[in-house]
Amino acid sequence: SSDLLRDDLLGVFGDAALTGKPAGDDLREGKRTLLVALALEAADTEQAATVASLLGRPDLDDAGVSTLRAVLTSTGADRRVEQLVIDGATAARGALDRAPGLDAQSRQA
């Protein structure tokens, strides 16, 4: 769902003060998210090796987090996931607009 995809983005790129968890925690935990899968799908050999060597390391420091973020960004994985979030939200709003029996206030909520 769009919420889970947004959470994946925040787990890597989010501000810890806003998300309540350290930025990069998902990378330290080695979560195999769609974000990571899309990055690996588009990665060249060097980028894939970087992900393999850093993803899931509990001792991953800020420099390692930055390196993984750079791979996620340079492969376009972050933009692809963000577009999926936008597309999902647009589809949901369209479904609400077409849903019978909902008043404007219900649709807005």
PDB file of N, CA and C in Angstrom:
ATOM      1  N   SER A   1       0.827  -1.179   0.000  1.00  0.00           N
ATOM      2  CA  SER A   1       0.000   0.000   0.000  1.00  0.00           C
ATOM      3  C   SER A   1       0.871   1.242   0.000  1.00  0.00           C
ATOM      4  N   SER A   2       0.287   2.364  -0.322  1.00  0.00           N
ATOM      5  CA  SER A   2       1.029   3.619  -0.379  1.00  0.00           C
ATOM      6  C   SER A   2       1.633   3.990   0.967  1.00  0.00           C
ATOM      7  N   ASP A   3       0.926   3.667   2.070  1.00  0.00           N
ATOM      8  CA  ASP A   3       1.454   3.985   3.399  1.00  0.00           C
ATOM      9  C   ASP A   3       2.738   3.217   3.678  1.00  0.00           C
ATOM     10  N   LEU A   4       2.779   1.952   3.285  1.00  0.00           N
ATOM     11  CA  LEU A   4       3.977   1.153   3.507  1.00  0.00           C
ATOM     12  C   LEU A   4       5.136   1.648   2.655  1.00  0.00           C
ATOM     13  N   LEU A   5       4.843   2.034   1.437  1.00  0.00           N
ATOM     14  CA  LEU A   5       5.891   2.562   0.567  1.00  0.00           C
ATOM     15  C   LEU A   5       6.431   3.882   1.113  1.00  0.00           C
ATOM     16  N   ARG A   6       5.531   4.730   1.592  1.00  0.00           N
ATOM     17  CA  ARG A   6       5.954   5.991   2.200  1.00  0.00           C
ATOM     18  C   ARG A   6       6.816   5.722   3.430  1.00  0.00           C
ATOM     19  N   ASP A   7       6.430   4.731   4.236  1.00  0.00           N
ATOM     20  CA  ASP A   7       7.208   4.364   5.415  1.00  0.00           C
ATOM     21  C   ASP A   7       8.601   3.878   5.020  1.00  0.00           C
ATOM     22  N   ASP A   8       8.687   3.131   3.926  1.00  0.00           N
ATOM     23  CA  ASP A   8      10.001   2.683   3.437  1.00  0.00           C
ATOM     24  C   ASP A   8      10.882   3.864   3.081  1.00  0.00           C
ATOM     25  N   LEU A   9      10.315   4.858   2.410  1.00  0.00           N
ATOM     26  CA  LEU A   9      11.082   6.059   2.064  1.00  0.00           C
ATOM     27  C   LEU A   9      11.526   6.806   3.316  1.00  0.00           C
ATOM     28  N   LEU A  10      10.613   6.952   4.277  1.00  0.00           N
ATOM     29  CA  LEU A  10      10.950   7.663   5.511  1.00  0.00           C
ATOM     30  C   LEU A  10      11.988   6.900   6.327  1.00  0.00           C
ATOM     31  N   GLY A  11      11.958   5.580   6.276  1.00  0.00           N
ATOM     32  CA  GLY A  11      12.931   4.775   7.002  1.00  0.00           C
ATOM     33  C   GLY A  11      14.351   4.960   6.505  1.00  0.00           C
ATOM     34  N   VAL A  12      14.491   5.420   5.274  1.00  0.00           N
ATOM     35  CA  VAL A  12      15.811   5.640   4.689  1.00  0.00           C
ATOM     36  C   VAL A  12      16.156   7.127   4.617  1.00  0.00           C
ATOM     37  N   PHE A  13      15.191   7.940   4.214  1.00  0.00           N
ATOM     38  CA  PHE A  13      15.468   9.347   3.954  1.00  0.00           C
ATOM     39  C   PHE A  13      14.852  10.299   4.979  1.00  0.00           C
ATOM     40  N   GLY A  14      14.049   9.774   5.906  1.00  0.00           N
ATOM     41  CA  GLY A  14      13.307  10.620   6.835  1.00  0.00           C
ATOM     42  C   GLY A  14      14.168  11.294   7.888  1.00  0.00           C
ATOM     43  N   ASP A  15      13.614  12.340   8.445  1.00  0.00           N
ATOM     44  CA  ASP A  15      14.227  13.080   9.539  1.00  0.00           C
ATOM     45  C   ASP A  15      13.850  12.381  10.846  1.00  0.00           C
ATOM     46  N   ALA A  16      14.855  11.943  11.603  1.00  0.00           N
ATOM     47  CA  ALA A  16      14.601  11.197  12.839  1.00  0.00           C
ATOM     48  C   ALA A  16      13.739  11.987  13.809  1.00  0.00           C
ATOM     49  N   ALA A  17      13.864  13.304  13.809  1.00  0.00           N
ATOM     50  CA  ALA A  17      13.063  14.131  14.711  1.00  0.00           C
ATOM     51  C   ALA A  17      11.585  14.053  14.358  1.00  0.00           C
ATOM     52  N   LEU A  18      11.276  13.800  13.100  1.00  0.00           N
ATOM     53  CA  LEU A  18       9.880  13.717  12.661  1.00  0.00           C
ATOM     54  C   LEU A  18       9.349  12.293  12.655  1.00  0.00           C
ATOM     55  N   THR A  19      10.208  11.326  12.334  1.00  0.00           N
ATOM     56  CA  THR A  19       9.741   9.943  12.211  1.00  0.00           C
ATOM     57  C   THR A  19       9.802   9.178  13.527  1.00  0.00           C
ATOM     58  N   GLY A  20      10.619   9.646  14.457  1.00  0.00           N
ATOM     59  CA  GLY A  20      10.747   8.967  15.739  1.00  0.00           C
ATOM     60  C   GLY A  20      11.680   7.768  15.714  1.00  0.00           C
ATOM     61  N   LYS A  21      12.350   7.543  14.589  1.00  0.00           N
ATOM     62  CA  LYS A  21      13.341   6.474  14.539  1.00  0.00           C
ATOM     63  C   LYS A  21      14.550   6.973  13.765  1.00  0.00           C
ATOM     64  N   PRO A  22      15.718   6.457  14.110  1.00  0.00           N
ATOM     65  CA  PRO A  22      16.934   6.933  13.452  1.00  0.00           C
ATOM     66  C   PRO A  22      16.885   6.717  11.941  1.00  0.00           C
ATOM     67  N   ALA A  23      17.290   7.730  11.198  1.00  0.00           N
ATOM     68  CA  ALA A  23      17.349   7.610   9.744  1.00  0.00           C
ATOM     69  C   ALA A  23      18.342   6.509   9.386  1.00  0.00           C
ATOM     70  N   GLY A  24      17.975   5.670   8.473  1.00  0.00           N
ATOM     71  CA  GLY A  24      18.836   4.586   8.043  1.00  0.00           C
ATOM     72  C   GLY A  24      18.630   3.294   8.806  1.00  0.00           C
ATOM     73  N   ASP A  25      17.734   3.288   9.782  1.00  0.00           N
ATOM     74  CA  ASP A  25      17.493   2.069  10.561  1.00  0.00           C
ATOM     75  C   ASP A  25      17.066   0.897   9.675  1.00  0.00           C
ATOM     76  N   ASP A  26      16.226   1.178   8.678  1.00  0.00           N
ATOM     77  CA  ASP A  26      15.795   0.107   7.776  1.00  0.00           C
ATOM     78  C   ASP A  26      16.987  -0.480   7.022  1.00  0.00           C
ATOM     79  N   LEU A  27      17.976   0.360   6.720  1.00  0.00           N
ATOM     80  CA  LEU A  27      19.171  -0.111   6.030  1.00  0.00           C
ATOM     81  C   LEU A  27      20.026  -0.957   6.967  1.00  0.00           C
ATOM     82  N   ARG A  28      20.150  -0.519   8.213  1.00  0.00           N
ATOM     83  CA  ARG A  28      20.902  -1.296   9.206  1.00  0.00           C
ATOM     84  C   ARG A  28      20.235  -2.650   9.457  1.00  0.00           C
ATOM     85  N   GLU A  29      18.915  -2.656   9.462  1.00  0.00           N
ATOM     86  CA  GLU A  29      18.175  -3.897   9.696  1.00  0.00           C
ATOM     87  C   GLU A  29      18.189  -4.810   8.471  1.00  0.00           C
ATOM     88  N   GLY A  30      18.544  -4.261   7.321  1.00  0.00           N
ATOM     89  CA  GLY A  30      18.591  -5.060   6.100  1.00  0.00           C
ATOM     90  C   GLY A  30      17.230  -5.357   5.515  1.00  0.00           C
ATOM     91  N   LYS A  31      16.269  -4.463   5.755  1.00  0.00           N
ATOM     92  CA  LYS A  31      14.922  -4.688   5.229  1.00  0.00           C
ATOM     93  C   LYS A  31      14.948  -4.756   3.703  1.00  0.00           C
ATOM     94  N   ARG A  32      14.347  -5.800   3.186  1.00  0.00           N
ATOM     95  CA  ARG A  32      14.273  -6.000   1.728  1.00  0.00           C
ATOM     96  C   ARG A  32      12.983  -5.353   1.224  1.00  0.00           C
ATOM     97  N   THR A  33      13.016  -4.064   1.133  1.00  0.00           N
ATOM     98  CA  THR A  33      11.849  -3.297   0.716  1.00  0.00           C
ATOM     99  C   THR A  33      11.799  -3.179  -0.802  1.00  0.00           C
ATOM    100  N   LEU A  34      10.685  -2.688  -1.298  1.00  0.00           N
ATOM    101  CA  LEU A  34      10.582  -2.423  -2.730  1.00  0.00           C
ATOM    102  C   LEU A  34      11.633  -1.408  -3.149  1.00  0.00           C
ATOM    103  N   LEU A  35      11.903  -0.449  -2.293  1.00  0.00           N
ATOM    104  CA  LEU A  35      12.931   0.558  -2.563  1.00  0.00           C
ATOM    105  C   LEU A  35      14.273  -0.115  -2.854  1.00  0.00           C
ATOM    106  N   VAL A  36      14.663  -1.058  -2.030  1.00  0.00           N
ATOM    107  CA  VAL A  36      15.923  -1.778  -2.233  1.00  0.00           C
ATOM    108  C   VAL A  36      15.840  -2.644  -3.488  1.00  0.00           C
ATOM    109  N   ALA A  37      14.727  -3.321  -3.679  1.00  0.00           N
ATOM    110  CA  ALA A  37      14.576  -4.192  -4.860  1.00  0.00           C
ATOM    111  C   ALA A  37      14.686  -3.393  -6.157  1.00  0.00           C
ATOM    112  N   LEU A  38      14.051  -2.229  -6.199  1.00  0.00           N
ATOM    113  CA  LEU A  38      14.128  -1.401  -7.406  1.00  0.00           C
ATOM    114  C   LEU A  38      15.535  -0.878  -7.636  1.00  0.00           C
ATOM    115  N   ALA A  39      16.222  -0.553  -6.551  1.00  0.00           N
ATOM    116  CA  ALA A  39      17.607  -0.097  -6.685  1.00  0.00           C
ATOM    117  C   ALA A  39      18.480  -1.217  -7.251  1.00  0.00           C
ATOM    118  N   LEU A  40      18.317  -2.418  -6.721  1.00  0.00           N
ATOM    119  CA  LEU A  40      19.117  -3.541  -7.211  1.00  0.00           C
ATOM    120  C   LEU A  40      18.791  -3.889  -8.659  1.00  0.00           C
ATOM    121  N   GLU A  41      17.528  -3.740  -9.012  1.00  0.00           N
ATOM    122  CA  GLU A  41      17.100  -4.009 -10.395  1.00  0.00           C
ATOM    123  C   GLU A  41      17.806  -3.066 -11.378  1.00  0.00           C
ATOM    124  N   ALA A  42      18.004  -1.823 -10.969  1.00  0.00           N
ATOM    125  CA  ALA A  42      18.608  -0.816 -11.849  1.00  0.00           C
ATOM    126  C   ALA A  42      20.109  -0.642 -11.626  1.00  0.00           C
ATOM    127  N   ALA A  43      20.648  -1.286 -10.612  1.00  0.00           N
ATOM    128  CA  ALA A  43      22.045  -1.069 -10.227  1.00  0.00           C
ATOM    129  C   ALA A  43      23.020  -1.673 -11.231  1.00  0.00           C
ATOM    130  N   ASP A  44      24.166  -0.997 -11.363  1.00  0.00           N
ATOM    131  CA  ASP A  44      25.262  -1.607 -12.097  1.00  0.00           C
ATOM    132  C   ASP A  44      26.010  -2.527 -11.123  1.00  0.00           C
ATOM    133  N   THR A  45      27.038  -3.177 -11.593  1.00  0.00           N
ATOM    134  CA  THR A  45      27.764  -4.151 -10.773  1.00  0.00           C
ATOM    135  C   THR A  45      28.328  -3.523  -9.506  1.00  0.00           C
ATOM    136  N   GLU A  46      28.899  -2.349  -9.631  1.00  0.00           N
ATOM    137  CA  GLU A  46      29.495  -1.679  -8.475  1.00  0.00           C
ATOM    138  C   GLU A  46      28.438  -1.275  -7.444  1.00  0.00           C
ATOM    139  N   GLN A  47      27.318  -0.742  -7.931  1.00  0.00           N
ATOM    140  CA  GLN A  47      26.240  -0.348  -7.020  1.00  0.00           C
ATOM    141  C   GLN A  47      25.658  -1.562  -6.307  1.00  0.00           C
ATOM    142  N   ALA A  48      25.461  -2.662  -7.031  1.00  0.00           N
ATOM    143  CA  ALA A  48      24.932  -3.881  -6.427  1.00  0.00           C
ATOM    144  C   ALA A  48      25.891  -4.417  -5.363  1.00  0.00           C
ATOM    145  N   ALA A  49      27.176  -4.339  -5.628  1.00  0.00           N
ATOM    146  CA  ALA A  49      28.174  -4.793  -4.650  1.00  0.00           C
ATOM    147  C   ALA A  49      28.146  -3.893  -3.413  1.00  0.00           C
ATOM    148  N   THR A  50      27.936  -2.611  -3.599  1.00  0.00           N
ATOM    149  CA  THR A  50      27.844  -1.686  -2.471  1.00  0.00           C
ATOM    150  C   THR A  50      26.659  -2.036  -1.600  1.00  0.00           C
ATOM    151  N   VAL A  51      25.516  -2.282  -2.216  1.00  0.00           N
ATOM    152  CA  VAL A  51      24.327  -2.660  -1.450  1.00  0.00           C
ATOM    153  C   VAL A  51      24.576  -3.980  -0.711  1.00  0.00           C
ATOM    154  N   ALA A  52      25.152  -4.942  -1.400  1.00  0.00           N
ATOM    155  CA  ALA A  52      25.411  -6.246  -0.782  1.00  0.00           C
ATOM    156  C   ALA A  52      26.355  -6.126   0.413  1.00  0.00           C
ATOM    157  N   SER A  53      27.320  -5.234   0.334  1.00  0.00           N
ATOM    158  CA  SER A  53      28.297  -5.134   1.420  1.00  0.00           C
ATOM    159  C   SER A  53      27.812  -4.295   2.599  1.00  0.00           C
ATOM    160  N   LEU A  54      26.861  -3.401   2.380  1.00  0.00           N
ATOM    161  CA  LEU A  54      26.438  -2.491   3.445  1.00  0.00           C
ATOM    162  C   LEU A  54      25.059  -2.784   4.020  1.00  0.00           C
ATOM    163  N   LEU A  55      24.131  -3.246   3.214  1.00  0.00           N
ATOM    164  CA  LEU A  55      22.761  -3.465   3.674  1.00  0.00           C
ATOM    165  C   LEU A  55      22.725  -4.553   4.741  1.00  0.00           C
ATOM    166  N   GLY A  56      22.081  -4.246   5.860  1.00  0.00           N
ATOM    167  CA  GLY A  56      21.927  -5.227   6.928  1.00  0.00           C
ATOM    168  C   GLY A  56      23.049  -5.240   7.939  1.00  0.00           C
ATOM    169  N   ARG A  57      23.952  -4.278   7.854  1.00  0.00           N
ATOM    170  CA  ARG A  57      25.035  -4.200   8.842  1.00  0.00           C
ATOM    171  C   ARG A  57      24.556  -3.388  10.046  1.00  0.00           C
ATOM    172  N   PRO A  58      24.431  -3.997  11.205  1.00  0.00           N
ATOM    173  CA  PRO A  58      23.966  -3.274  12.393  1.00  0.00           C
ATOM    174  C   PRO A  58      24.894  -2.141  12.799  1.00  0.00           C
ATOM    175  N   ASP A  59      26.170  -2.247  12.413  1.00  0.00           N
ATOM    176  CA  ASP A  59      27.149  -1.216  12.754  1.00  0.00           C
ATOM    177  C   ASP A  59      27.287  -0.142  11.661  1.00  0.00           C
ATOM    178  N   LEU A  60      26.355  -0.117  10.743  1.00  0.00           N
ATOM    179  CA  LEU A  60      26.409   0.839   9.634  1.00  0.00           C
ATOM    180  C   LEU A  60      26.411   2.262  10.178  1.00  0.00           C
ATOM    181  N   ASP A  61      27.444   3.017   9.839  1.00  0.00           N
ATOM    182  CA  ASP A  61      27.552   4.387  10.331  1.00  0.00           C
ATOM    183  C   ASP A  61      26.885   5.360   9.365  1.00  0.00           C
ATOM    184  N   ASP A  62      26.928   6.637   9.719  1.00  0.00           N
ATOM    185  CA  ASP A  62      26.269   7.655   8.891  1.00  0.00           C
ATOM    186  C   ASP A  62      26.847   7.702   7.478  1.00  0.00           C
ATOM    187  N   ALA A  63      28.138   7.477   7.352  1.00  0.00           N
ATOM    188  CA  ALA A  63      28.758   7.473   6.022  1.00  0.00           C
ATOM    189  C   ALA A  63      28.212   6.314   5.183  1.00  0.00           C
ATOM    190  N   GLY A  64      28.044   5.145   5.812  1.00  0.00           N
ATOM    191  CA  GLY A  64      27.475   4.001   5.102  1.00  0.00           C
ATOM    192  C   GLY A  64      26.038   4.244   4.698  1.00  0.00           C
ATOM    193  N   VAL A  65      25.263   4.866   5.595  1.00  0.00           N
ATOM    194  CA  VAL A  65      23.877   5.221   5.269  1.00  0.00           C
ATOM    195  C   VAL A  65      23.871   6.169   4.068  1.00  0.00           C
ATOM    196  N   SER A  66      24.751   7.144   4.078  1.00  0.00           N
ATOM    197  CA  SER A  66      24.828   8.094   2.961  1.00  0.00           C
ATOM    198  C   SER A  66      25.196   7.398   1.659  1.00  0.00           C
ATOM    199  N   THR A  67      26.100   6.436   1.747  1.00  0.00           N
ATOM    200  CA  THR A  67      26.504   5.688   0.550  1.00  0.00           C
ATOM    201  C   THR A  67      25.324   4.896  -0.011  1.00  0.00           C
ATOM    202  N   LEU A  68      24.578   4.219   0.860  1.00  0.00           N
ATOM    203  CA  LEU A  68      23.406   3.478   0.388  1.00  0.00           C
ATOM    204  C   LEU A  68      22.339   4.414  -0.158  1.00  0.00           C
ATOM    205  N   ARG A  69      22.124   5.537   0.513  1.00  0.00           N
ATOM    206  CA  ARG A  69      21.165   6.516  -0.007  1.00  0.00           C
ATOM    207  C   ARG A  69      21.556   6.961  -1.411  1.00  0.00           C
ATOM    208  N   ALA A  70      22.846   7.163  -1.629  1.00  0.00           N
ATOM    209  CA  ALA A  70      23.315   7.595  -2.947  1.00  0.00           C
ATOM    210  C   ALA A  70      22.983   6.549  -4.012  1.00  0.00           C
ATOM    211  N   VAL A  71      23.104   5.278  -3.672  1.00  0.00           N
ATOM    212  CA  VAL A  71      22.749   4.220  -4.631  1.00  0.00           C
ATOM    213  C   VAL A  71      21.243   4.252  -4.896  1.00  0.00           C
ATOM    214  N   LEU A  72      20.450   4.373  -3.849  1.00  0.00           N
ATOM    215  CA  LEU A  72      18.997   4.405  -4.013  1.00  0.00           C
ATOM    216  C   LEU A  72      18.563   5.588  -4.867  1.00  0.00           C
ATOM    217  N   THR A  73      19.265   6.695  -4.719  1.00  0.00           N
ATOM    218  CA  THR A  73      18.941   7.899  -5.483  1.00  0.00           C
ATOM    219  C   THR A  73      19.459   7.807  -6.918  1.00  0.00           C
ATOM    220  N   SER A  74      20.703   7.393  -7.073  1.00  0.00           N
ATOM    221  CA  SER A  74      21.297   7.376  -8.418  1.00  0.00           C
ATOM    222  C   SER A  74      20.661   6.328  -9.322  1.00  0.00           C
ATOM    223  N   THR A  75      20.100   5.279  -8.742  1.00  0.00           N
ATOM    224  CA  THR A  75      19.400   4.273  -9.555  1.00  0.00           C
ATOM    225  C   THR A  75      17.968   4.695  -9.873  1.00  0.00           C
ATOM    226  N   GLY A  76      17.509   5.771  -9.217  1.00  0.00           N
ATOM    227  CA  GLY A  76      16.146   6.245  -9.440  1.00  0.00           C
ATOM    228  C   GLY A  76      15.105   5.507  -8.618  1.00  0.00           C
ATOM    229  N   ALA A  77      15.543   4.612  -7.726  1.00  0.00           N
ATOM    230  CA  ALA A  77      14.596   3.825  -6.933  1.00  0.00           C
ATOM    231  C   ALA A  77      13.722   4.714  -6.063  1.00  0.00           C
ATOM    232  N   ASP A  78      14.312   5.760  -5.497  1.00  0.00           N
ATOM    233  CA  ASP A  78      13.531   6.660  -4.635  1.00  0.00           C
ATOM    234  C   ASP A  78      12.425   7.353  -5.419  1.00  0.00           C
ATOM    235  N   ARG A  79      12.736   7.803  -6.629  1.00  0.00           N
ATOM    236  CA  ARG A  79      11.727   8.474  -7.463  1.00  0.00           C
ATOM    237  C   ARG A  79      10.636   7.503  -7.905  1.00  0.00           C
ATOM    238  N   ARG A  80      11.015   6.268  -8.200  1.00  0.00           N
ATOM    239  CA  ARG A  80      10.021   5.271  -8.625  1.00  0.00           C
ATOM    240  C   ARG A  80       9.057   4.951  -7.498  1.00  0.00           C
ATOM    241  N   VAL A  81       9.584   4.801  -6.274  1.00  0.00           N
ATOM    242  CA  VAL A  81       8.707   4.515  -5.136  1.00  0.00           C
ATOM    243  C   VAL A  81       7.821   5.720  -4.848  1.00  0.00           C
ATOM    244  N   GLU A  82       8.386   6.916  -4.902  1.00  0.00           N
ATOM    245  CA  GLU A  82       7.578   8.127  -4.681  1.00  0.00           C
ATOM    246  C   GLU A  82       6.457   8.213  -5.711  1.00  0.00           C
ATOM    247  N   GLN A  83       6.730   7.863  -6.962  1.00  0.00           N
ATOM    248  CA  GLN A  83       5.689   7.881  -7.989  1.00  0.00           C
ATOM    249  C   GLN A  83       4.612   6.847  -7.700  1.00  0.00           C
ATOM    250  N   LEU A  84       4.995   5.695  -7.203  1.00  0.00           N
ATOM    251  CA  LEU A  84       4.003   4.676  -6.824  1.00  0.00           C
ATOM    252  C   LEU A  84       3.112   5.182  -5.694  1.00  0.00           C
ATOM    253  N   VAL A  85       3.687   5.919  -4.748  1.00  0.00           N
ATOM    254  CA  VAL A  85       2.897   6.510  -3.663  1.00  0.00           C
ATOM    255  C   VAL A  85       1.891   7.506  -4.235  1.00  0.00           C
ATOM    256  N   ILE A  86       2.367   8.365  -5.124  1.00  0.00           N
ATOM    257  CA  ILE A  86       1.488   9.364  -5.750  1.00  0.00           C
ATOM    258  C   ILE A  86       0.384   8.678  -6.549  1.00  0.00           C
ATOM    259  N   ASP A  87       0.758   7.678  -7.337  1.00  0.00           N
ATOM    260  CA  ASP A  87      -0.230   6.964  -8.151  1.00  0.00           C
ATOM    261  C   ASP A  87      -1.277   6.274  -7.274  1.00  0.00           C
ATOM    262  N   GLY A  88      -0.830   5.676  -6.167  1.00  0.00           N
ATOM    263  CA  GLY A  88      -1.760   5.009  -5.259  1.00  0.00           C
ATOM    264  C   GLY A  88      -2.726   5.986  -4.617  1.00  0.00           C
ATOM    265  N   ALA A  89      -2.207   7.135  -4.207  1.00  0.00           N
ATOM    266  CA  ALA A  89      -3.068   8.154  -3.594  1.00  0.00           C
ATOM    267  C   ALA A  89      -4.075   8.688  -4.613  1.00  0.00           C
ATOM    268  N   THR A  90      -3.630   8.892  -5.837  1.00  0.00           N
ATOM    269  CA  THR A  90      -4.522   9.378  -6.888  1.00  0.00           C
ATOM    270  C   THR A  90      -5.619   8.359  -7.173  1.00  0.00           C
ATOM    271  N   ALA A  91      -5.253   7.095  -7.244  1.00  0.00           N
ATOM    272  CA  ALA A  91      -6.243   6.035  -7.488  1.00  0.00           C
ATOM    273  C   ALA A  91      -7.241   5.956  -6.333  1.00  0.00           C
ATOM    274  N   ALA A  92      -6.748   6.101  -5.109  1.00  0.00           N
ATOM    275  CA  ALA A  92      -7.645   6.038  -3.945  1.00  0.00           C
ATOM    276  C   ALA A  92      -8.631   7.198  -3.951  1.00  0.00           C
ATOM    277  N   ARG A  93      -8.134   8.398  -4.269  1.00  0.00           N
ATOM    278  CA  ARG A  93      -9.040   9.558  -4.336  1.00  0.00           C
ATOM    279  C   ARG A  93     -10.078   9.374  -5.440  1.00  0.00           C
ATOM    280  N   GLY A  94      -9.655   8.816  -6.564  1.00  0.00           N
ATOM    281  CA  GLY A  94     -10.598   8.548  -7.654  1.00  0.00           C
ATOM    282  C   GLY A  94     -11.665   7.549  -7.248  1.00  0.00           C
ATOM    283  N   ALA A  95     -11.255   6.518  -6.526  1.00  0.00           N
ATOM    284  CA  ALA A  95     -12.223   5.515  -6.058  1.00  0.00           C
ATOM    285  C   ALA A  95     -13.217   6.142  -5.095  1.00  0.00           C
ATOM    286  N   LEU A  96     -12.738   7.034  -4.227  1.00  0.00           N
ATOM    287  CA  LEU A  96     -13.640   7.712  -3.296  1.00  0.00           C
ATOM    288  C   LEU A  96     -14.618   8.615  -4.047  1.00  0.00           C
ATOM    289  N   ASP A  97     -14.116   9.286  -5.073  1.00  0.00           N
ATOM    290  CA  ASP A  97     -14.990  10.171  -5.856  1.00  0.00           C
ATOM    291  C   ASP A  97     -16.102   9.392  -6.541  1.00  0.00           C
ATOM    292  N   ARG A  98     -15.826   8.143  -6.902  1.00  0.00           N
ATOM    293  CA  ARG A  98     -16.818   7.324  -7.612  1.00  0.00           C
ATOM    294  C   ARG A  98     -17.673   6.477  -6.674  1.00  0.00           C
ATOM    295  N   ALA A  99     -17.294   6.432  -5.396  1.00  0.00           N
ATOM    296  CA  ALA A  99     -18.017   5.568  -4.441  1.00  0.00           C
ATOM    297  C   ALA A  99     -19.413   6.088  -4.201  1.00  0.00           C
ATOM    298  N   PRO A 100     -20.416   5.239  -4.366  1.00  0.00           N
ATOM    299  CA  PRO A 100     -21.801   5.679  -4.136  1.00  0.00           C
ATOM    300  C   PRO A 100     -22.056   5.862  -2.636  1.00  0.00           C
ATOM    301  N   GLY A 101     -22.880   6.838  -2.323  1.00  0.00           N
ATOM    302  CA  GLY A 101     -23.332   7.027  -0.949  1.00  0.00           C
ATOM    303  C   GLY A 101     -22.406   7.800  -0.045  1.00  0.00           C
ATOM    304  N   LEU A 102     -21.309   8.309  -0.552  1.00  0.00           N
ATOM    305  CA  LEU A 102     -20.415   9.115   0.286  1.00  0.00           C
ATOM    306  C   LEU A 102     -20.685  10.601   0.051  1.00  0.00           C
ATOM    307  N   ASP A 103     -20.844  11.334   1.137  1.00  0.00           N
ATOM    308  CA  ASP A 103     -20.998  12.774   0.984  1.00  0.00           C
ATOM    309  C   ASP A 103     -19.616  13.427   0.901  1.00  0.00           C
ATOM    310  N   ALA A 104     -19.587  14.706   0.611  1.00  0.00           N
ATOM    311  CA  ALA A 104     -18.327  15.420   0.431  1.00  0.00           C
ATOM    312  C   ALA A 104     -17.436  15.357   1.659  1.00  0.00           C
ATOM    313  N   GLN A 105     -18.035  15.461   2.838  1.00  0.00           N
ATOM    314  CA  GLN A 105     -17.267  15.439   4.072  1.00  0.00           C
ATOM    315  C   GLN A 105     -16.591  14.075   4.270  1.00  0.00           C
ATOM    316  N   SER A 106     -17.301  13.025   3.949  1.00  0.00           N
ATOM    317  CA  SER A 106     -16.742  11.678   4.058  1.00  0.00           C
ATOM    318  C   SER A 106     -15.595  11.489   3.064  1.00  0.00           C
ATOM    319  N   ARG A 107     -15.794  11.978   1.853  1.00  0.00           N
ATOM    320  CA  ARG A 107     -14.722  11.876   0.846  1.00  0.00           C
ATOM    321  C   ARG A 107     -13.483  12.641   1.287  1.00  0.00           C
ATOM    322  N   GLN A 108     -13.677  13.824   1.842  1.00  0.00           N
ATOM    323  CA  GLN A 108     -12.557  14.638   2.286  1.00  0.00           C
ATOM    324  C   GLN A 108     -11.787  13.961   3.408  1.00  0.00           C
ATOM    325  N   ALA A 109     -12.502  13.334   4.310  1.00  0.00           N
ATOM    326  CA  ALA A 109     -11.846  12.647   5.444  1.00  0.00           C
ATOM    327  C   ALA A 109     -11.007  11.503   4.917  1.00  0.00           C
TER     328      ALA A 109
END
